[in-house]
C-alpha cells in the first residue's frame, strides 16, 4: 500500500492489526492534509498561536502512529511558534508538506 511507510512494522510496534493501522494511517493523512490549509494561512499571517496549535495537532497525530519523521518536522514548527520566533515558517512548512504528500502519493 505504501512505499515510504512500513505499516506492517508500525502495526507490530503498536500491537495493532494491520487493517487498523491502515485505517489510522488513512485518517491521519486526510486530517493532516486538511490541517495544512489553515496552517498555510496562519503562516502567511504570522499567526504564531495558530501555527503552534495546528502544527501541534499534526505532531501529535503523527506521533500516535509512529510517523516520527513527520512528527519531527511538525515539532520544529510548533516549538518555534510557541516561542513566537520570527523564522522562515514557509520553508519549514514546505518540508512538512512534502513529507505528508510523499506518504499520500504512495
PDB file of N, CA and C in Angstrom:
ATOM      1  N   UNK A   1       0.813  -1.202   0.000  1.00  0.00           N
ATOM      2  CA  UNK A   1       0.000   0.000   0.000  1.00  0.00           C
ATOM      3  C   UNK A   1       0.848   1.253   0.000  1.00  0.00           C
ATOM      4  N   UNK A   2       1.948   1.251   0.744  1.00  0.00           N
ATOM      5  CA  UNK A   2       2.719   2.481   0.909  1.00  0.00           C
ATOM      6  C   UNK A   2       4.206   2.173   0.845  1.00  0.00           C
ATOM      7  N   UNK A   3       4.934   2.881  -0.001  1.00  0.00           N
ATOM      8  CA  UNK A   3       6.357   2.627  -0.176  1.00  0.00           C
ATOM      9  C   UNK A   3       7.227   3.345   0.838  1.00  0.00           C
ATOM     10  N   UNK A   4       6.759   4.434   1.404  1.00  0.00           N
ATOM     11  CA  UNK A   4       7.597   5.212   2.306  1.00  0.00           C
ATOM     12  C   UNK A   4       7.367   4.877   3.767  1.00  0.00           C
ATOM     13  N   UNK A   5       6.275   4.220   4.080  1.00  0.00           N
ATOM     14  CA  UNK A   5       5.952   3.898   5.465  1.00  0.00           C
ATOM     15  C   UNK A   5       5.683   2.402   5.554  1.00  0.00           C
ATOM     16  N   UNK A   6       6.349   1.749   6.494  1.00  0.00           N
ATOM     17  CA  UNK A   6       6.151   0.314   6.704  1.00  0.00           C
ATOM     18  C   UNK A   6       5.011   0.118   7.695  1.00  0.00           C
ATOM     19  N   UNK A   7       3.801   0.008   7.171  1.00  0.00           N
ATOM     20  CA  UNK A   7       2.624  -0.107   8.022  1.00  0.00           C
ATOM     21  C   UNK A   7       2.621  -1.402   8.816  1.00  0.00           C
ATOM     22  N   UNK A   8       3.177  -2.453   8.249  1.00  0.00           N
ATOM     23  CA  UNK A   8       3.262  -3.722   8.978  1.00  0.00           C
ATOM     24  C   UNK A   8       4.138  -3.560  10.214  1.00  0.00           C
ATOM     25  N   UNK A   9       5.259  -2.889  10.068  1.00  0.00           N
ATOM     26  CA  UNK A   9       6.156  -2.655  11.207  1.00  0.00           C
ATOM     27  C   UNK A   9       5.463  -1.801  12.272  1.00  0.00           C
ATOM     28  N   UNK A  10       4.751  -0.776  11.836  1.00  0.00           N
ATOM     29  CA  UNK A  10       4.016   0.076  12.777  1.00  0.00           C
ATOM     30  C   UNK A  10       2.967  -0.749  13.508  1.00  0.00           C
ATOM     31  N   UNK A  11       2.261  -1.605  12.774  1.00  0.00           N
ATOM     32  CA  UNK A  11       1.243  -2.460  13.393  1.00  0.00           C
ATOM     33  C   UNK A  11       1.867  -3.348  14.467  1.00  0.00           C
ATOM     34  N   UNK A  12       3.023  -3.902  14.157  1.00  0.00           N
ATOM     35  CA  UNK A  12       3.700  -4.759  15.129  1.00  0.00           C
ATOM     36  C   UNK A  12       4.142  -3.965  16.352  1.00  0.00           C
ATOM     37  N   UNK A  13       4.708  -2.785  16.139  1.00  0.00           N
ATOM     38  CA  UNK A  13       5.170  -1.960  17.257  1.00  0.00           C
ATOM     39  C   UNK A  13       4.020  -1.495  18.137  1.00  0.00           C
ATOM     40  N   UNK A  14       2.889  -1.183  17.519  1.00  0.00           N
ATOM     41  CA  UNK A  14       1.726  -0.727  18.278  1.00  0.00           C
ATOM     42  C   UNK A  14       0.880  -1.888  18.811  1.00  0.00           C
ATOM     43  N   UNK A  15       1.205  -3.092  18.326  1.00  0.00           N
ATOM     44  CA  UNK A  15       0.428  -4.293  18.647  1.00  0.00           C
ATOM     45  C   UNK A  15      -1.023  -4.135  18.201  1.00  0.00           C
ATOM     46  N   UNK A  16      -1.190  -3.617  16.965  1.00  0.00           N
ATOM     47  CA  UNK A  16      -2.491  -3.445  16.327  1.00  0.00           C
ATOM     48  C   UNK A  16      -2.556  -4.378  15.122  1.00  0.00           C
ATOM     49  N   UNK A  17      -3.770  -4.624  14.658  1.00  0.00           N
ATOM     50  CA  UNK A  17      -3.942  -5.332  13.392  1.00  0.00           C
ATOM     51  C   UNK A  17      -3.519  -4.399  12.266  1.00  0.00           C
ATOM     52  N   UNK A  18      -2.988  -4.985  11.202  1.00  0.00           N
ATOM     53  CA  UNK A  18      -2.566  -4.187  10.056  1.00  0.00           C
ATOM     54  C   UNK A  18      -3.730  -3.367   9.504  1.00  0.00           C
ATOM     55  N   UNK A  19      -4.914  -3.943   9.450  1.00  0.00           N
ATOM     56  CA  UNK A  19      -6.079  -3.236   8.918  1.00  0.00           C
ATOM     57  C   UNK A  19      -6.385  -1.990   9.746  1.00  0.00           C
ATOM     58  N   UNK A  20      -6.219  -2.096  11.063  1.00  0.00           N
ATOM     59  CA  UNK A  20      -6.455  -0.936  11.927  1.00  0.00           C
ATOM     60  C   UNK A  20      -5.430   0.160  11.674  1.00  0.00           C
ATOM     61  N   UNK A  21      -4.181  -0.232  11.490  1.00  0.00           N
ATOM     62  CA  UNK A  21      -3.127   0.746  11.220  1.00  0.00           C
ATOM     63  C   UNK A  21      -3.346   1.396   9.860  1.00  0.00           C
ATOM     64  N   UNK A  22      -3.758   0.619   8.883  1.00  0.00           N
ATOM     65  CA  UNK A  22      -4.054   1.192   7.571  1.00  0.00           C
ATOM     66  C   UNK A  22      -5.162   2.239   7.668  1.00  0.00           C
ATOM     67  N   UNK A  23      -6.197   1.935   8.463  1.00  0.00           N
ATOM     68  CA  UNK A  23      -7.289   2.884   8.648  1.00  0.00           C
ATOM     69  C   UNK A  23      -6.797   4.132   9.371  1.00  0.00           C
ATOM     70  N   UNK A  24      -6.028   3.960  10.442  1.00  0.00           N
ATOM     71  CA  UNK A  24      -5.483   5.106  11.174  1.00  0.00           C
ATOM     72  C   UNK A  24      -4.589   5.957  10.291  1.00  0.00           C
ATOM     73  N   UNK A  25      -3.804   5.303   9.453  1.00  0.00           N
ATOM     74  CA  UNK A  25      -2.901   5.989   8.527  1.00  0.00           C
ATOM     75  C   UNK A  25      -3.700   6.839   7.539  1.00  0.00           C
ATOM     76  N   UNK A  26      -4.753   6.264   6.988  1.00  0.00           N
ATOM     77  CA  UNK A  26      -5.583   6.995   6.030  1.00  0.00           C
ATOM     78  C   UNK A  26      -6.275   8.186   6.702  1.00  0.00           C
ATOM     79  N   UNK A  27      -6.761   7.984   7.919  1.00  0.00           N
ATOM     80  CA  UNK A  27      -7.404   9.080   8.657  1.00  0.00           C
ATOM     81  C   UNK A  27      -6.374  10.174   8.944  1.00  0.00           C
ATOM     82  N   UNK A  28      -5.178   9.758   9.367  1.00  0.00           N
ATOM     83  CA  UNK A  28      -4.131  10.743   9.628  1.00  0.00           C
ATOM     84  C   UNK A  28      -3.850  11.567   8.381  1.00  0.00           C
ATOM     85  N   UNK A  29      -3.665  10.911   7.244  1.00  0.00           N
ATOM     86  CA  UNK A  29      -3.342  11.637   6.009  1.00  0.00           C
ATOM     87  C   UNK A  29      -4.454  12.611   5.625  1.00  0.00           C
ATOM     88  N   UNK A  30      -5.689  12.180   5.746  1.00  0.00           N
ATOM     89  CA  UNK A  30      -6.810  13.068   5.413  1.00  0.00           C
ATOM     90  C   UNK A  30      -6.847  14.266   6.363  1.00  0.00           C
ATOM     91  N   UNK A  31      -6.713  13.999   7.657  1.00  0.00           N
ATOM     92  CA  UNK A  31      -6.742  15.085   8.643  1.00  0.00           C
ATOM     93  C   UNK A  31      -5.556  16.032   8.472  1.00  0.00           C
ATOM     94  N   UNK A  32      -4.373  15.460   8.277  1.00  0.00           N
ATOM     95  CA  UNK A  32      -3.178  16.292   8.127  1.00  0.00           C
ATOM     96  C   UNK A  32      -3.293  17.166   6.887  1.00  0.00           C
ATOM     97  N   UNK A  33      -3.782  16.595   5.802  1.00  0.00           N
ATOM     98  CA  UNK A  33      -3.941  17.368   4.568  1.00  0.00           C
ATOM     99  C   UNK A  33      -4.924  18.512   4.778  1.00  0.00           C
ATOM    100  N   UNK A  34      -5.991  18.272   5.520  1.00  0.00           N
ATOM    101  CA  UNK A  34      -6.954  19.338   5.806  1.00  0.00           C
ATOM    102  C   UNK A  34      -6.356  20.381   6.744  1.00  0.00           C
ATOM    103  N   UNK A  35      -5.543  19.957   7.687  1.00  0.00           N
ATOM    104  CA  UNK A  35      -4.927  20.879   8.645  1.00  0.00           C
ATOM    105  C   UNK A  35      -3.887  21.759   7.974  1.00  0.00           C
ATOM    106  N   UNK A  36      -3.275  21.277   6.911  1.00  0.00           N
ATOM    107  CA  UNK A  36      -2.275  22.077   6.203  1.00  0.00           C
ATOM    108  C   UNK A  36      -2.871  23.358   5.619  1.00  0.00           C
ATOM    109  N   UNK A  37      -4.135  23.330   5.275  1.00  0.00           N
ATOM    110  CA  UNK A  37      -4.768  24.502   4.663  1.00  0.00           C
ATOM    111  C   UNK A  37      -4.779  25.687   5.629  1.00  0.00           C
ATOM    112  N   UNK A  38      -5.363  25.537   6.825  1.00  0.00           N
ATOM    113  CA  UNK A  38      -5.310  26.679   7.748  1.00  0.00           C
ATOM    114  C   UNK A  38      -3.902  26.952   8.274  1.00  0.00           C
ATOM    115  N   UNK A  39      -3.052  25.940   8.293  1.00  0.00           N
ATOM    116  CA  UNK A  39      -1.669  26.164   8.725  1.00  0.00           C
ATOM    117  C   UNK A  39      -0.950  27.077   7.737  1.00  0.00           C
ATOM    118  N   UNK A  40      -1.157  26.857   6.442  1.00  0.00           N
ATOM    119  CA  UNK A  40      -0.566  27.747   5.435  1.00  0.00           C
ATOM    120  C   UNK A  40      -1.058  29.182   5.624  1.00  0.00           C
ATOM    121  N   UNK A  41      -2.341  29.324   5.898  1.00  0.00           N
ATOM    122  CA  UNK A  41      -2.910  30.659   6.115  1.00  0.00           C
ATOM    123  C   UNK A  41      -2.317  31.311   7.365  1.00  0.00           C
ATOM    124  N   UNK A  42      -2.164  30.535   8.425  1.00  0.00           N
ATOM    125  CA  UNK A  42      -1.580  31.068   9.665  1.00  0.00           C
ATOM    126  C   UNK A  42      -0.145  31.511   9.428  1.00  0.00           C
ATOM    127  N   UNK A  43       0.597  30.751   8.629  1.00  0.00           N
ATOM    128  CA  UNK A  43       1.979  31.125   8.306  1.00  0.00           C
ATOM    129  C   UNK A  43       1.991  32.429   7.516  1.00  0.00           C
ATOM    130  N   UNK A  44       1.089  32.583   6.571  1.00  0.00           N
ATOM    131  CA  UNK A  44       1.021  33.824   5.785  1.00  0.00           C
ATOM    132  C   UNK A  44       0.769  35.038   6.674  1.00  0.00           C
ATOM    133  N   UNK A  45      -0.020  34.840   7.729  1.00  0.00           N
ATOM    134  CA  UNK A  45      -0.381  35.944   8.624  1.00  0.00           C
ATOM    135  C   UNK A  45       0.585  36.082   9.808  1.00  0.00           C
ATOM    136  N   UNK A  46       1.594  35.214   9.886  1.00  0.00           N
ATOM    137  CA  UNK A  46       2.484  35.181  11.055  1.00  0.00           C
ATOM    138  C   UNK A  46       1.687  35.051  12.349  1.00  0.00           C
ATOM    139  N   UNK A  47       0.669  34.216  12.305  1.00  0.00           N
ATOM    140  CA  UNK A  47      -0.218  33.968  13.438  1.00  0.00           C
ATOM    141  C   UNK A  47       0.371  32.826  14.267  1.00  0.00           C
ATOM    142  N   UNK A  48       1.272  33.199  15.165  1.00  0.00           N
ATOM    143  CA  UNK A  48       2.020  32.195  15.927  1.00  0.00           C
ATOM    144  C   UNK A  48       1.126  31.281  16.744  1.00  0.00           C
ATOM    145  N   UNK A  49       0.055  31.805  17.288  1.00  0.00           N
ATOM    146  CA  UNK A  49      -0.843  30.978  18.107  1.00  0.00           C
ATOM    147  C   UNK A  49      -1.441  29.841  17.283  1.00  0.00           C
ATOM    148  N   UNK A  50      -1.923  30.168  16.093  1.00  0.00           N
ATOM    149  CA  UNK A  50      -2.498  29.127  15.242  1.00  0.00           C
ATOM    150  C   UNK A  50      -1.436  28.258  14.585  1.00  0.00           C
ATOM    151  N   UNK A  51      -0.293  28.813  14.274  1.00  0.00           N
ATOM    152  CA  UNK A  51       0.808  27.991  13.761  1.00  0.00           C
ATOM    153  C   UNK A  51       1.143  26.933  14.815  1.00  0.00           C
ATOM    154  N   UNK A  52       1.251  27.368  16.072  1.00  0.00           N
ATOM    155  CA  UNK A  52       1.547  26.443  17.158  1.00  0.00           C
ATOM    156  C   UNK A  52       0.454  25.382  17.273  1.00  0.00           C
ATOM    157  N   UNK A  53      -0.793  25.811  17.346  1.00  0.00           N
ATOM    158  CA  UNK A  53      -1.914  24.894  17.570  1.00  0.00           C
ATOM    159  C   UNK A  53      -2.034  23.863  16.448  1.00  0.00           C
ATOM    160  N   UNK A  54      -1.940  24.313  15.216  1.00  0.00           N
ATOM    161  CA  UNK A  54      -2.122  23.413  14.077  1.00  0.00           C
ATOM    162  C   UNK A  54      -0.941  22.458  13.895  1.00  0.00           C
ATOM    163  N   UNK A  55       0.268  22.973  14.076  1.00  0.00           N
ATOM    164  CA  UNK A  55       1.436  22.085  13.958  1.00  0.00           C
ATOM    165  C   UNK A  55       1.477  21.095  15.123  1.00  0.00           C
ATOM    166  N   UNK A  56       1.014  21.526  16.290  1.00  0.00           N
ATOM    167  CA  UNK A  56       0.928  20.624  17.444  1.00  0.00           C
ATOM    168  C   UNK A  56      -0.031  19.471  17.149  1.00  0.00           C
ATOM    169  N   UNK A  57      -1.132  19.778  16.504  1.00  0.00           N
ATOM    170  CA  UNK A  57      -2.114  18.754  16.137  1.00  0.00           C
ATOM    171  C   UNK A  57      -1.501  17.715  15.192  1.00  0.00           C
ATOM    172  N   UNK A  58      -0.803  18.180  14.174  1.00  0.00           N
ATOM    173  CA  UNK A  58      -0.158  17.254  13.225  1.00  0.00           C
ATOM    174  C   UNK A  58       0.906  16.433  13.939  1.00  0.00           C
ATOM    175  N   UNK A  59       1.693  17.091  14.777  1.00  0.00           N
ATOM    176  CA  UNK A  59       2.751  16.391  15.512  1.00  0.00           C
ATOM    177  C   UNK A  59       2.174  15.271  16.368  1.00  0.00           C
ATOM    178  N   UNK A  60       1.126  15.590  17.114  1.00  0.00           N
ATOM    179  CA  UNK A  60       0.531  14.592  17.996  1.00  0.00           C
ATOM    180  C   UNK A  60      -0.039  13.414  17.240  1.00  0.00           C
ATOM    181  N   UNK A  61      -0.763  13.703  16.178  1.00  0.00           N
ATOM    182  CA  UNK A  61      -1.352  12.620  15.379  1.00  0.00           C
ATOM    183  C   UNK A  61      -0.286  11.754  14.728  1.00  0.00           C
ATOM    184  N   UNK A  62       0.751  12.380  14.213  1.00  0.00           N
ATOM    185  CA  UNK A  62       1.842  11.621  13.587  1.00  0.00           C
ATOM    186  C   UNK A  62       2.566  10.763  14.624  1.00  0.00           C
ATOM    187  N   UNK A  63       2.779  11.317  15.791  1.00  0.00           N
ATOM    188  CA  UNK A  63       3.454  10.572  16.858  1.00  0.00           C
ATOM    189  C   UNK A  63       2.649   9.352  17.279  1.00  0.00           C
ATOM    190  N   UNK A  64       1.334   9.509  17.316  1.00  0.00           N
ATOM    191  CA  UNK A  64       0.468   8.409  17.749  1.00  0.00           C
ATOM    192  C   UNK A  64       0.584   7.182  16.866  1.00  0.00           C
ATOM    193  N   UNK A  65       0.904   7.393  15.601  1.00  0.00           N
ATOM    194  CA  UNK A  65       1.039   6.232  14.707  1.00  0.00           C
ATOM    195  C   UNK A  65       2.484   6.062  14.230  1.00  0.00           C
ATOM    196  N   UNK A  66       3.397   6.575  15.025  1.00  0.00           N
ATOM    197  CA  UNK A  66       4.836   6.354  14.853  1.00  0.00           C
ATOM    198  C   UNK A  66       5.404   6.906  13.548  1.00  0.00           C
ATOM    199  N   UNK A  67       4.831   7.981  13.052  1.00  0.00           N
ATOM    200  CA  UNK A  67       5.375   8.657  11.872  1.00  0.00           C
ATOM    201  C   UNK A  67       6.343   9.730  12.374  1.00  0.00           C
ATOM    202  N   UNK A  68       7.483   9.274  12.845  1.00  0.00           N
ATOM    203  CA  UNK A  68       8.415  10.135  13.561  1.00  0.00           C
ATOM    204  C   UNK A  68       9.015  11.232  12.692  1.00  0.00           C
ATOM    205  N   UNK A  69       9.217  10.979  11.418  1.00  0.00           N
ATOM    206  CA  UNK A  69       9.793  11.995  10.538  1.00  0.00           C
ATOM    207  C   UNK A  69       8.835  13.174  10.370  1.00  0.00           C
ATOM    208  N   UNK A  70       7.555  12.871  10.201  1.00  0.00           N
ATOM    209  CA  UNK A  70       6.546  13.921  10.087  1.00  0.00           C
ATOM    210  C   UNK A  70       6.399  14.637  11.421  1.00  0.00           C
ATOM    211  N   UNK A  71       6.351  13.871  12.496  1.00  0.00           N
ATOM    212  CA  UNK A  71       6.218  14.463  13.836  1.00  0.00           C
ATOM    213  C   UNK A  71       7.381  15.403  14.132  1.00  0.00           C
ATOM    214  N   UNK A  72       8.573  15.017  13.726  1.00  0.00           N
ATOM    215  CA  UNK A  72       9.760  15.842  13.961  1.00  0.00           C
ATOM    216  C   UNK A  72       9.673  17.169  13.210  1.00  0.00           C
ATOM    217  N   UNK A  73       9.209  17.129  11.977  1.00  0.00           N
ATOM    218  CA  UNK A  73       9.058  18.366  11.196  1.00  0.00           C
ATOM    219  C   UNK A  73       8.005  19.277  11.810  1.00  0.00           C
ATOM    220  N   UNK A  74       6.902  18.691  12.236  1.00  0.00           N
ATOM    221  CA  UNK A  74       5.848  19.480  12.874  1.00  0.00           C
ATOM    222  C   UNK A  74       6.338  20.054  14.197  1.00  0.00           C
ATOM    223  N   UNK A  75       7.159  19.289  14.913  1.00  0.00           N
ATOM    224  CA  UNK A  75       7.722  19.745  16.194  1.00  0.00           C
ATOM    225  C   UNK A  75       8.583  20.995  16.008  1.00  0.00           C
ATOM    226  N   UNK A  76       9.340  21.037  14.925  1.00  0.00           N
ATOM    227  CA  UNK A  76      10.188  22.212  14.659  1.00  0.00           C
ATOM    228  C   UNK A  76       9.326  23.465  14.495  1.00  0.00           C
ATOM    229  N   UNK A  77       8.248  23.321  13.773  1.00  0.00           N
ATOM    230  CA  UNK A  77       7.341  24.450  13.572  1.00  0.00           C
ATOM    231  C   UNK A  77       6.692  24.823  14.903  1.00  0.00           C
ATOM    232  N   UNK A  78       6.182  23.828  15.593  1.00  0.00           N
ATOM    233  CA  UNK A  78       5.482  24.038  16.861  1.00  0.00           C
ATOM    234  C   UNK A  78       6.358  24.743  17.891  1.00  0.00           C
ATOM    235  N   UNK A  79       7.570  24.260  18.090  1.00  0.00           N
ATOM    236  CA  UNK A  79       8.421  24.824  19.142  1.00  0.00           C
ATOM    237  C   UNK A  79       8.826  26.267  18.839  1.00  0.00           C
ATOM    238  N   UNK A  80       9.056  26.581  17.578  1.00  0.00           N
ATOM    239  CA  UNK A  80       9.389  27.966  17.218  1.00  0.00           C
ATOM    240  C   UNK A  80       8.189  28.885  17.378  1.00  0.00           C
ATOM    241  N   UNK A  81       7.010  28.403  16.988  1.00  0.00           N
ATOM    242  CA  UNK A  81       5.805  29.222  17.125  1.00  0.00           C
ATOM    243  C   UNK A  81       5.459  29.437  18.596  1.00  0.00           C
ATOM    244  N   UNK A  82       5.696  28.422  19.420  1.00  0.00           N
ATOM    245  CA  UNK A  82       5.417  28.553  20.857  1.00  0.00           C
ATOM    246  C   UNK A  82       6.212  29.706  21.448  1.00  0.00           C
ATOM    247  N   UNK A  83       7.421  29.898  20.943  1.00  0.00           N
ATOM    248  CA  UNK A  83       8.303  30.957  21.441  1.00  0.00           C
ATOM    249  C   UNK A  83       8.169  32.244  20.633  1.00  0.00           C
ATOM    250  N   UNK A  84       7.181  32.290  19.737  1.00  0.00           N
ATOM    251  CA  UNK A  84       6.943  33.462  18.883  1.00  0.00           C
ATOM    252  C   UNK A  84       8.188  33.882  18.114  1.00  0.00           C
ATOM    253  N   UNK A  85       8.953  32.912  17.679  1.00  0.00           N
ATOM    254  CA  UNK A  85      10.167  33.214  16.920  1.00  0.00           C
ATOM    255  C   UNK A  85       9.811  33.591  15.488  1.00  0.00           C
ATOM    256  N   UNK A  86      10.460  34.618  15.010  1.00  0.00           N
ATOM    257  CA  UNK A  86      10.277  35.058  13.641  1.00  0.00           C
ATOM    258  C   UNK A  86      11.317  34.339  12.783  1.00  0.00           C
ATOM    259  N   UNK A  87      10.903  33.219  12.210  1.00  0.00           N
ATOM    260  CA  UNK A  87      11.792  32.411  11.365  1.00  0.00           C
ATOM    261  C   UNK A  87      11.098  32.173  10.031  1.00  0.00           C
ATOM    262  N   UNK A  88      11.737  31.412   9.168  1.00  0.00           N
ATOM    263  CA  UNK A  88      11.158  31.103   7.870  1.00  0.00           C
ATOM    264  C   UNK A  88      10.207  29.909   8.001  1.00  0.00           C
ATOM    265  N   UNK A  89       8.985  30.185   8.448  1.00  0.00           N
ATOM    266  CA  UNK A  89       7.984  29.125   8.601  1.00  0.00           C
ATOM    267  C   UNK A  89       7.583  28.540   7.247  1.00  0.00           C
ATOM    268  N   UNK A  90       7.664  29.328   6.195  1.00  0.00           N
ATOM    269  CA  UNK A  90       7.306  28.839   4.865  1.00  0.00           C
ATOM    270  C   UNK A  90       8.201  27.657   4.499  1.00  0.00           C
ATOM    271  N   UNK A  91       9.473  27.796   4.736  1.00  0.00           N
ATOM    272  CA  UNK A  91      10.415  26.726   4.415  1.00  0.00           C
ATOM    273  C   UNK A  91      10.136  25.480   5.261  1.00  0.00           C
ATOM    274  N   UNK A  92       9.912  25.664   6.551  1.00  0.00           N
ATOM    275  CA  UNK A  92       9.620  24.522   7.427  1.00  0.00           C
ATOM    276  C   UNK A  92       8.306  23.852   7.026  1.00  0.00           C
ATOM    277  N   UNK A  93       7.323  24.662   6.655  1.00  0.00           N
ATOM    278  CA  UNK A  93       6.036  24.127   6.233  1.00  0.00           C
ATOM    279  C   UNK A  93       6.174  23.336   4.934  1.00  0.00           C
ATOM    280  N   UNK A  94       6.993  23.819   4.018  1.00  0.00           N
ATOM    281  CA  UNK A  94       7.207  23.100   2.760  1.00  0.00           C
ATOM    282  C   UNK A  94       7.795  21.720   3.016  1.00  0.00           C
ATOM    283  N   UNK A  95       8.722  21.619   3.949  1.00  0.00           N
ATOM    284  CA  UNK A  95       9.314  20.322   4.299  1.00  0.00           C
ATOM    285  C   UNK A  95       8.243  19.403   4.875  1.00  0.00           C
ATOM    286  N   UNK A  96       7.441  19.931   5.791  1.00  0.00           N
ATOM    287  CA  UNK A  96       6.367  19.136   6.399  1.00  0.00           C
ATOM    288  C   UNK A  96       5.374  18.676   5.337  1.00  0.00           C
ATOM    289  N   UNK A  97       4.958  19.581   4.473  1.00  0.00           N
ATOM    290  CA  UNK A  97       4.010  19.227   3.412  1.00  0.00           C
ATOM    291  C   UNK A  97       4.583  18.150   2.502  1.00  0.00           C
ATOM    292  N   UNK A  98       5.849  18.271   2.166  1.00  0.00           N
ATOM    293  CA  UNK A  98       6.480  17.282   1.293  1.00  0.00           C
ATOM    294  C   UNK A  98       6.459  15.901   1.941  1.00  0.00           C
ATOM    295  N   UNK A  99       6.760  15.833   3.219  1.00  0.00           N
ATOM    296  CA  UNK A  99       6.768  14.540   3.914  1.00  0.00           C
ATOM    297  C   UNK A  99       5.366  13.941   3.960  1.00  0.00           C
ATOM    298  N   UNK A 100       4.374  14.761   4.211  1.00  0.00           N
ATOM    299  CA  UNK A 100       2.999  14.266   4.235  1.00  0.00           C
ATOM    300  C   UNK A 100       2.569  13.821   2.845  1.00  0.00           C
ATOM    301  N   UNK A 101       2.887  14.619   1.835  1.00  0.00           N
ATOM    302  CA  UNK A 101       2.476  14.271   0.472  1.00  0.00           C
ATOM    303  C   UNK A 101       3.202  13.042  -0.064  1.00  0.00           C
ATOM    304  N   UNK A 102       4.413  12.816   0.375  1.00  0.00           N
ATOM    305  CA  UNK A 102       5.116  11.587  -0.020  1.00  0.00           C
ATOM    306  C   UNK A 102       4.360  10.366   0.480  1.00  0.00           C
ATOM    307  N   UNK A 103       3.825  10.458   1.664  1.00  0.00           N
ATOM    308  CA  UNK A 103       3.015   9.355   2.200  1.00  0.00           C
ATOM    309  C   UNK A 103       1.731   9.193   1.403  1.00  0.00           C
ATOM    310  N   UNK A 104       1.157  10.304   0.981  1.00  0.00           N
ATOM    311  CA  UNK A 104      -0.114  10.259   0.246  1.00  0.00           C
ATOM    312  C   UNK A 104       0.067   9.720  -1.170  1.00  0.00           C
ATOM    313  N   UNK A 105       1.214   9.958  -1.742  1.00  0.00           N
ATOM    314  CA  UNK A 105       1.450   9.594  -3.136  1.00  0.00           C
ATOM    315  C   UNK A 105       1.733   8.113  -3.350  1.00  0.00           C
ATOM    316  N   UNK A 106       1.992   7.418  -2.264  1.00  0.00           N
ATOM    317  CA  UNK A 106       2.349   6.014  -2.448  1.00  0.00           C
ATOM    318  C   UNK A 106       1.155   5.099  -2.454  1.00  0.00           C
TER     319      UNK A 106
END
